[in-house]
């Protein structure tokens, strides 16, 4: 389960970076949200009985505050900013001492988590690594962790579709006919991913995943610097 969970953190980070290379920010964010929502909904359906609903409810409350606040100013991040935040987030989480990590079960923390994680999702696109930090110190079981994170991230994905869809217009960003094959592809990837990662040992997977995260982060920081230099 740990390998599959870690894989879900790395693959969205790579996917979003690739999409932004080919599309503008609004189109890339909406397409990424569609793919992520389909994959998360599959995990939600699979782990439905393990969801911690009080955490989800408070997380959603914080997420709504973040979405309404950013939507009120109609903030649209540049590509350079998105790449910069995607590249910086893993380093910030890595350098933050573990004893400083909040516990998702502490009073008020789920609301704070929803507020901050959703803000990151709307600005940087991917907040999975940040969200994971709040579960690391808790005694929430692995099944509940996977299930609750999946339903929380689904909320963030749907809000990201609404956010960028109302800013740019979903029908203008992505043809409606593309939704079904994109969702089917995301579900297929979610189902096939465990078959690949389970062929590796836990130690080798952690090592290669860690290296991959920071390699991709460095590439994104270089990409952000290039875009800033070019005035993008």
C-alpha atoms as a PDB file:
ATOM      1  CA  UNK A   1       0.000   0.000   0.000  1.00  0.00           C
ATOM      2  CA  UNK A   2       2.889   2.367   0.788  1.00  0.00           C
ATOM      3  CA  UNK A   3       4.363   1.957  -2.692  1.00  0.00           C
ATOM      4  CA  UNK A   4       1.020   2.557  -4.354  1.00  0.00           C
ATOM      5  CA  UNK A   5       0.354   5.603  -2.153  1.00  0.00           C
ATOM      6  CA  UNK A   6       3.757   7.090  -2.946  1.00  0.00           C
ATOM      7  CA  UNK A   7       3.239   6.411  -6.642  1.00  0.00           C
ATOM      8  CA  UNK A   8       0.030   8.464  -6.536  1.00  0.00           C
ATOM      9  CA  UNK A   9       2.056  11.420  -5.217  1.00  0.00           C
ATOM     10  CA  UNK A  10       4.760  11.239  -7.882  1.00  0.00           C
ATOM     11  CA  UNK A  11       2.717  10.548 -11.016  1.00  0.00           C
ATOM     12  CA  UNK A  12       0.390  13.614 -10.727  1.00  0.00           C
ATOM     13  CA  UNK A  13       3.438  15.823 -10.260  1.00  0.00           C
ATOM     14  CA  UNK A  14       4.934  14.527 -13.519  1.00  0.00           C
ATOM     15  CA  UNK A  15       1.621  14.528 -15.390  1.00  0.00           C
ATOM     16  CA  UNK A  16       0.856  18.161 -14.586  1.00  0.00           C
ATOM     17  CA  UNK A  17       4.315  19.294 -15.651  1.00  0.00           C
ATOM     18  CA  UNK A  18       3.951  17.522 -18.992  1.00  0.00           C
ATOM     19  CA  UNK A  19       0.471  18.952 -19.612  1.00  0.00           C
ATOM     20  CA  UNK A  20       1.668  22.498 -18.895  1.00  0.00           C
ATOM     21  CA  UNK A  21       4.426  22.047 -21.439  1.00  0.00           C
ATOM     22  CA  UNK A  22       1.832  21.580 -24.199  1.00  0.00           C
ATOM     23  CA  UNK A  23      -1.153  23.618 -22.942  1.00  0.00           C
ATOM     24  CA  UNK A  24      -1.841  26.968 -21.309  1.00  0.00           C
ATOM     25  CA  UNK A  25      -2.392  27.033 -17.541  1.00  0.00           C
ATOM     26  CA  UNK A  26      -6.211  26.877 -17.574  1.00  0.00           C
ATOM     27  CA  UNK A  27      -6.386  24.062 -20.133  1.00  0.00           C
ATOM     28  CA  UNK A  28      -3.623  22.085 -18.428  1.00  0.00           C
ATOM     29  CA  UNK A  29      -5.230  22.475 -14.993  1.00  0.00           C
ATOM     30  CA  UNK A  30      -8.674  21.406 -16.213  1.00  0.00           C
ATOM     31  CA  UNK A  31      -7.358  18.405 -18.121  1.00  0.00           C
ATOM     32  CA  UNK A  32      -5.183  17.395 -15.176  1.00  0.00           C
ATOM     33  CA  UNK A  33      -8.188  17.713 -12.848  1.00  0.00           C
ATOM     34  CA  UNK A  34     -10.328  15.495 -15.072  1.00  0.00           C
ATOM     35  CA  UNK A  35      -7.688  12.770 -15.144  1.00  0.00           C
ATOM     36  CA  UNK A  36      -7.031  13.048 -11.397  1.00  0.00           C
ATOM     37  CA  UNK A  37     -10.737  13.042 -10.514  1.00  0.00           C
ATOM     38  CA  UNK A  38     -11.378   9.855 -12.464  1.00  0.00           C
ATOM     39  CA  UNK A  39      -8.478   8.078 -10.784  1.00  0.00           C
ATOM     40  CA  UNK A  40      -9.422   9.304  -7.308  1.00  0.00           C
ATOM     41  CA  UNK A  41     -13.067   8.347  -7.716  1.00  0.00           C
ATOM     42  CA  UNK A  42     -11.973   4.811  -8.492  1.00  0.00           C
ATOM     43  CA  UNK A  43      -9.940   4.712  -5.270  1.00  0.00           C
ATOM     44  CA  UNK A  44     -12.859   6.263  -3.333  1.00  0.00           C
ATOM     45  CA  UNK A  45     -15.207   3.558  -4.620  1.00  0.00           C
ATOM     46  CA  UNK A  46     -12.681   0.863  -3.696  1.00  0.00           C
ATOM     47  CA  UNK A  47     -11.975   2.128  -0.158  1.00  0.00           C
ATOM     48  CA  UNK A  48     -15.382   3.679   0.591  1.00  0.00           C
ATOM     49  CA  UNK A  49     -15.898   1.903   3.932  1.00  0.00           C
ATOM     50  CA  UNK A  50     -12.613   3.236   5.317  1.00  0.00           C
ATOM     51  CA  UNK A  51     -13.217   6.974   4.776  1.00  0.00           C
ATOM     52  CA  UNK A  52     -12.973   9.149   7.893  1.00  0.00           C
ATOM     53  CA  UNK A  53     -15.975  11.396   7.259  1.00  0.00           C
ATOM     54  CA  UNK A  54     -15.357  13.943  10.071  1.00  0.00           C
ATOM     55  CA  UNK A  55     -11.905  14.684   8.613  1.00  0.00           C
ATOM     56  CA  UNK A  56     -13.398  14.938   5.122  1.00  0.00           C
ATOM     57  CA  UNK A  57     -16.159  17.307   6.267  1.00  0.00           C
ATOM     58  CA  UNK A  58     -13.752  19.691   7.999  1.00  0.00           C
ATOM     59  CA  UNK A  59     -11.281  19.475   5.105  1.00  0.00           C
ATOM     60  CA  UNK A  60     -14.050  20.375   2.655  1.00  0.00           C
ATOM     61  CA  UNK A  61     -15.063  23.347   4.792  1.00  0.00           C
ATOM     62  CA  UNK A  62     -11.523  24.722   4.639  1.00  0.00           C
ATOM     63  CA  UNK A  63     -11.311  23.932   0.926  1.00  0.00           C
ATOM     64  CA  UNK A  64     -14.472  25.946   0.218  1.00  0.00           C
ATOM     65  CA  UNK A  65     -13.042  28.970   2.034  1.00  0.00           C
ATOM     66  CA  UNK A  66      -9.840  28.765  -0.034  1.00  0.00           C
ATOM     67  CA  UNK A  67     -11.698  28.382  -3.328  1.00  0.00           C
ATOM     68  CA  UNK A  68     -14.097  31.264  -2.655  1.00  0.00           C
ATOM     69  CA  UNK A  69     -11.274  33.552  -1.528  1.00  0.00           C
ATOM     70  CA  UNK A  70      -9.152  32.910  -4.627  1.00  0.00           C
ATOM     71  CA  UNK A  71     -12.153  32.998  -6.966  1.00  0.00           C
ATOM     72  CA  UNK A  72     -13.197  36.383  -5.577  1.00  0.00           C
ATOM     73  CA  UNK A  73      -9.952  37.876  -6.884  1.00  0.00           C
ATOM     74  CA  UNK A  74      -9.968  35.665 -10.026  1.00  0.00           C
ATOM     75  CA  UNK A  75      -6.306  34.781  -9.553  1.00  0.00           C
ATOM     76  CA  UNK A  76      -4.799  32.997 -12.571  1.00  0.00           C
ATOM     77  CA  UNK A  77      -1.221  31.780 -11.967  1.00  0.00           C
ATOM     78  CA  UNK A  78       1.403  32.023 -14.689  1.00  0.00           C
ATOM     79  CA  UNK A  79       3.193  28.942 -16.002  1.00  0.00           C
ATOM     80  CA  UNK A  80       6.401  30.114 -14.379  1.00  0.00           C
ATOM     81  CA  UNK A  81       4.726  30.372 -10.958  1.00  0.00           C
ATOM     82  CA  UNK A  82       3.144  26.917 -11.284  1.00  0.00           C
ATOM     83  CA  UNK A  83       6.463  25.298 -12.206  1.00  0.00           C
ATOM     84  CA  UNK A  84       8.227  27.172  -9.400  1.00  0.00           C
ATOM     85  CA  UNK A  85       5.744  26.037  -6.749  1.00  0.00           C
ATOM     86  CA  UNK A  86       5.700  22.458  -8.078  1.00  0.00           C
ATOM     87  CA  UNK A  87       9.476  22.427  -7.857  1.00  0.00           C
ATOM     88  CA  UNK A  88       9.727  24.056  -4.432  1.00  0.00           C
ATOM     89  CA  UNK A  89       7.001  22.121  -2.573  1.00  0.00           C
ATOM     90  CA  UNK A  90       8.906  18.797  -2.170  1.00  0.00           C
ATOM     91  CA  UNK A  91      11.979  20.663  -0.912  1.00  0.00           C
ATOM     92  CA  UNK A  92       9.920  22.665   1.609  1.00  0.00           C
ATOM     93  CA  UNK A  93       8.236  19.516   2.936  1.00  0.00           C
ATOM     94  CA  UNK A  94      11.597  17.720   3.074  1.00  0.00           C
ATOM     95  CA  UNK A  95      13.358  20.511   4.978  1.00  0.00           C
ATOM     96  CA  UNK A  96      10.522  21.057   7.460  1.00  0.00           C
ATOM     97  CA  UNK A  97      11.445  19.161  10.679  1.00  0.00           C
ATOM     98  CA  UNK A  98       9.181  16.181  11.240  1.00  0.00           C
ATOM     99  CA  UNK A  99       8.252  17.289  14.766  1.00  0.00           C
ATOM    100  CA  UNK A 100       6.778  20.426  13.190  1.00  0.00           C
ATOM    101  CA  UNK A 101       4.377  18.401  11.038  1.00  0.00           C
ATOM    102  CA  UNK A 102       0.764  18.872  12.230  1.00  0.00           C
ATOM    103  CA  UNK A 103      -1.420  15.851  12.987  1.00  0.00           C
ATOM    104  CA  UNK A 104      -4.589  15.546  10.888  1.00  0.00           C
ATOM    105  CA  UNK A 105      -6.478  14.404  14.021  1.00  0.00           C
ATOM    106  CA  UNK A 106      -5.698  17.527  16.044  1.00  0.00           C
ATOM    107  CA  UNK A 107      -8.583  19.930  16.646  1.00  0.00           C
ATOM    108  CA  UNK A 108      -9.010  22.349  13.735  1.00  0.00           C
ATOM    109  CA  UNK A 109      -6.147  20.863  11.686  1.00  0.00           C
ATOM    110  CA  UNK A 110      -8.410  19.278   9.000  1.00  0.00           C
ATOM    111  CA  UNK A 111      -9.926  22.734   8.306  1.00  0.00           C
ATOM    112  CA  UNK A 112      -6.446  24.270   8.075  1.00  0.00           C
ATOM    113  CA  UNK A 113      -5.342  21.376   5.851  1.00  0.00           C
ATOM    114  CA  UNK A 114      -8.247  21.908   3.467  1.00  0.00           C
ATOM    115  CA  UNK A 115      -7.623  25.654   3.362  1.00  0.00           C
ATOM    116  CA  UNK A 116      -3.890  25.438   2.620  1.00  0.00           C
ATOM    117  CA  UNK A 117      -3.886  22.301   0.442  1.00  0.00           C
ATOM    118  CA  UNK A 118      -6.694  23.613  -1.770  1.00  0.00           C
ATOM    119  CA  UNK A 119      -4.914  26.951  -2.120  1.00  0.00           C
ATOM    120  CA  UNK A 120      -1.824  25.057  -3.284  1.00  0.00           C
ATOM    121  CA  UNK A 121      -3.925  22.932  -5.644  1.00  0.00           C
ATOM    122  CA  UNK A 122      -5.486  26.008  -7.240  1.00  0.00           C
ATOM    123  CA  UNK A 123      -2.184  27.840  -7.616  1.00  0.00           C
ATOM    124  CA  UNK A 124       0.386  25.063  -8.118  1.00  0.00           C
ATOM    125  CA  UNK A 125      -1.963  22.326  -9.325  1.00  0.00           C
ATOM    126  CA  UNK A 126      -0.759  19.483  -7.105  1.00  0.00           C
ATOM    127  CA  UNK A 127      -0.959  19.467  -3.301  1.00  0.00           C
ATOM    128  CA  UNK A 128      -0.694  15.728  -2.681  1.00  0.00           C
ATOM    129  CA  UNK A 129       2.776  15.855  -1.140  1.00  0.00           C
ATOM    130  CA  UNK A 130       1.684  18.636   1.223  1.00  0.00           C
ATOM    131  CA  UNK A 131      -1.528  16.784   2.191  1.00  0.00           C
ATOM    132  CA  UNK A 132       0.442  13.626   2.945  1.00  0.00           C
ATOM    133  CA  UNK A 133       2.454  15.508   5.594  1.00  0.00           C
ATOM    134  CA  UNK A 134      -0.632  15.881   7.822  1.00  0.00           C
ATOM    135  CA  UNK A 135      -1.225  12.115   7.945  1.00  0.00           C
ATOM    136  CA  UNK A 136       2.356  11.062   8.722  1.00  0.00           C
ATOM    137  CA  UNK A 137       2.207  11.736  12.480  1.00  0.00           C
ATOM    138  CA  UNK A 138      -1.334  10.464  12.993  1.00  0.00           C
ATOM    139  CA  UNK A 139      -2.353   6.980  14.068  1.00  0.00           C
ATOM    140  CA  UNK A 140      -4.849   6.778  11.186  1.00  0.00           C
ATOM    141  CA  UNK A 141      -4.615   3.316   9.626  1.00  0.00           C
ATOM    142  CA  UNK A 142      -3.249   2.818   6.136  1.00  0.00           C
ATOM    143  CA  UNK A 143      -6.624   1.949   4.625  1.00  0.00           C
ATOM    144  CA  UNK A 144      -8.271   5.000   6.190  1.00  0.00           C
ATOM    145  CA  UNK A 145      -5.354   7.166   5.057  1.00  0.00           C
ATOM    146  CA  UNK A 146      -5.647   6.082   1.428  1.00  0.00           C
ATOM    147  CA  UNK A 147      -9.449   6.365   1.438  1.00  0.00           C
ATOM    148  CA  UNK A 148      -9.655   9.733   3.204  1.00  0.00           C
ATOM    149  CA  UNK A 149      -6.872  11.290   1.145  1.00  0.00           C
ATOM    150  CA  UNK A 150      -8.553  10.102  -2.045  1.00  0.00           C
ATOM    151  CA  UNK A 151     -11.909  11.673  -1.204  1.00  0.00           C
ATOM    152  CA  UNK A 152     -10.214  14.898  -0.013  1.00  0.00           C
ATOM    153  CA  UNK A 153      -8.197  15.133  -3.228  1.00  0.00           C
ATOM    154  CA  UNK A 154     -11.367  14.506  -5.230  1.00  0.00           C
ATOM    155  CA  UNK A 155     -12.871  17.585  -3.589  1.00  0.00           C
ATOM    156  CA  UNK A 156      -9.796  19.576  -4.588  1.00  0.00           C
ATOM    157  CA  UNK A 157      -9.909  18.286  -8.164  1.00  0.00           C
ATOM    158  CA  UNK A 158     -13.583  19.193  -8.584  1.00  0.00           C
ATOM    159  CA  UNK A 159     -12.945  22.663  -7.175  1.00  0.00           C
ATOM    160  CA  UNK A 160     -10.018  23.086  -9.557  1.00  0.00           C
ATOM    161  CA  UNK A 161     -12.276  22.190 -12.519  1.00  0.00           C
ATOM    162  CA  UNK A 162     -14.853  24.733 -11.329  1.00  0.00           C
ATOM    163  CA  UNK A 163     -12.215  27.368 -10.591  1.00  0.00           C
ATOM    164  CA  UNK A 164     -10.385  27.295 -13.903  1.00  0.00           C
ATOM    165  CA  UNK A 165     -13.533  26.396 -15.806  1.00  0.00           C
ATOM    166  CA  UNK A 166     -15.265  29.574 -14.654  1.00  0.00           C
ATOM    167  CA  UNK A 167     -12.155  31.632 -15.370  1.00  0.00           C
ATOM    168  CA  UNK A 168     -11.474  30.301 -18.855  1.00  0.00           C
ATOM    169  CA  UNK A 169     -14.589  28.298 -19.751  1.00  0.00           C
ATOM    170  CA  UNK A 170     -14.367  24.513 -19.833  1.00  0.00           C
ATOM    171  CA  UNK A 171     -15.867  24.249 -23.305  1.00  0.00           C
ATOM    172  CA  UNK A 172     -13.275  26.717 -24.614  1.00  0.00           C
ATOM    173  CA  UNK A 173     -10.360  24.947 -22.943  1.00  0.00           C
ATOM    174  CA  UNK A 174     -11.138  21.307 -23.739  1.00  0.00           C
ATOM    175  CA  UNK A 175     -13.605  19.738 -26.213  1.00  0.00           C
ATOM    176  CA  UNK A 176     -16.419  18.006 -24.342  1.00  0.00           C
ATOM    177  CA  UNK A 177     -15.918  14.784 -26.321  1.00  0.00           C
ATOM    178  CA  UNK A 178     -12.486  14.427 -24.728  1.00  0.00           C
ATOM    179  CA  UNK A 179     -13.861  13.923 -21.208  1.00  0.00           C
ATOM    180  CA  UNK A 180     -14.863  10.250 -21.564  1.00  0.00           C
ATOM    181  CA  UNK A 181     -11.630   8.847 -23.066  1.00  0.00           C
ATOM    182  CA  UNK A 182      -9.569  10.949 -20.638  1.00  0.00           C
ATOM    183  CA  UNK A 183     -11.472   9.554 -17.642  1.00  0.00           C
ATOM    184  CA  UNK A 184     -11.199   5.980 -18.971  1.00  0.00           C
ATOM    185  CA  UNK A 185      -7.443   6.416 -19.414  1.00  0.00           C
ATOM    186  CA  UNK A 186      -7.043   7.694 -15.841  1.00  0.00           C
ATOM    187  CA  UNK A 187      -8.998   4.756 -14.367  1.00  0.00           C
ATOM    188  CA  UNK A 188      -6.962   2.291 -16.423  1.00  0.00           C
ATOM    189  CA  UNK A 189      -3.746   3.869 -15.162  1.00  0.00           C
ATOM    190  CA  UNK A 190      -4.964   3.673 -11.555  1.00  0.00           C
ATOM    191  CA  UNK A 191      -5.769  -0.021 -11.952  1.00  0.00           C
ATOM    192  CA  UNK A 192      -2.501  -0.901 -13.680  1.00  0.00           C
ATOM    193  CA  UNK A 193      -0.136   1.112 -11.486  1.00  0.00           C
ATOM    194  CA  UNK A 194      -0.098  -1.406  -8.578  1.00  0.00           C
ATOM    195  CA  UNK A 195       0.836  -4.190 -11.004  1.00  0.00           C
ATOM    196  CA  UNK A 196       3.974  -2.258 -11.911  1.00  0.00           C
ATOM    197  CA  UNK A 197       5.075  -0.905  -8.542  1.00  0.00           C
ATOM    198  CA  UNK A 198       4.425  -4.163  -6.673  1.00  0.00           C
ATOM    199  CA  UNK A 199       7.217  -5.798  -8.680  1.00  0.00           C
ATOM    200  CA  UNK A 200       9.707  -3.640  -6.777  1.00  0.00           C
ATOM    201  CA  UNK A 201      10.863  -4.028  -3.183  1.00  0.00           C
ATOM    202  CA  UNK A 202       9.834  -1.374  -0.649  1.00  0.00           C
ATOM    203  CA  UNK A 203      13.420  -0.188  -0.160  1.00  0.00           C
ATOM    204  CA  UNK A 204      14.210   0.137  -3.845  1.00  0.00           C
ATOM    205  CA  UNK A 205      10.895   1.837  -4.503  1.00  0.00           C
ATOM    206  CA  UNK A 206      11.439   4.423  -1.754  1.00  0.00           C
ATOM    207  CA  UNK A 207      14.957   5.154  -3.014  1.00  0.00           C
ATOM    208  CA  UNK A 208      13.975   5.554  -6.653  1.00  0.00           C
ATOM    209  CA  UNK A 209      10.817   7.500  -5.793  1.00  0.00           C
ATOM    210  CA  UNK A 210      12.767   9.945  -3.635  1.00  0.00           C
ATOM    211  CA  UNK A 211      15.360  10.427  -6.370  1.00  0.00           C
ATOM    212  CA  UNK A 212      12.651  10.881  -8.988  1.00  0.00           C
ATOM    213  CA  UNK A 213      10.735  13.451  -6.915  1.00  0.00           C
ATOM    214  CA  UNK A 214      13.764  15.673  -6.407  1.00  0.00           C
ATOM    215  CA  UNK A 215      14.997  15.205  -9.982  1.00  0.00           C
ATOM    216  CA  UNK A 216      11.622  16.326 -11.326  1.00  0.00           C
ATOM    217  CA  UNK A 217      11.518  19.172  -8.775  1.00  0.00           C
ATOM    218  CA  UNK A 218      14.902  20.424  -9.948  1.00  0.00           C
ATOM    219  CA  UNK A 219      13.803  20.275 -13.586  1.00  0.00           C
ATOM    220  CA  UNK A 220      10.679  22.286 -12.742  1.00  0.00           C
ATOM    221  CA  UNK A 221      12.706  24.931 -10.922  1.00  0.00           C
ATOM    222  CA  UNK A 222      14.981  25.235 -13.971  1.00  0.00           C
ATOM    223  CA  UNK A 223      11.897  25.453 -16.198  1.00  0.00           C
ATOM    224  CA  UNK A 224      10.434  28.181 -13.951  1.00  0.00           C
ATOM    225  CA  UNK A 225      13.685  30.164 -14.120  1.00  0.00           C
ATOM    226  CA  UNK A 226      13.697  29.819 -17.906  1.00  0.00           C
ATOM    227  CA  UNK A 227      10.112  31.073 -18.163  1.00  0.00           C
ATOM    228  CA  UNK A 228      10.762  33.966 -15.790  1.00  0.00           C
ATOM    229  CA  UNK A 229      13.864  34.876 -17.773  1.00  0.00           C
ATOM    230  CA  UNK A 230      11.816  34.843 -20.958  1.00  0.00           C
ATOM    231  CA  UNK A 231       9.089  36.951 -19.383  1.00  0.00           C
ATOM    232  CA  UNK A 232       6.420  34.202 -19.506  1.00  0.00           C
END
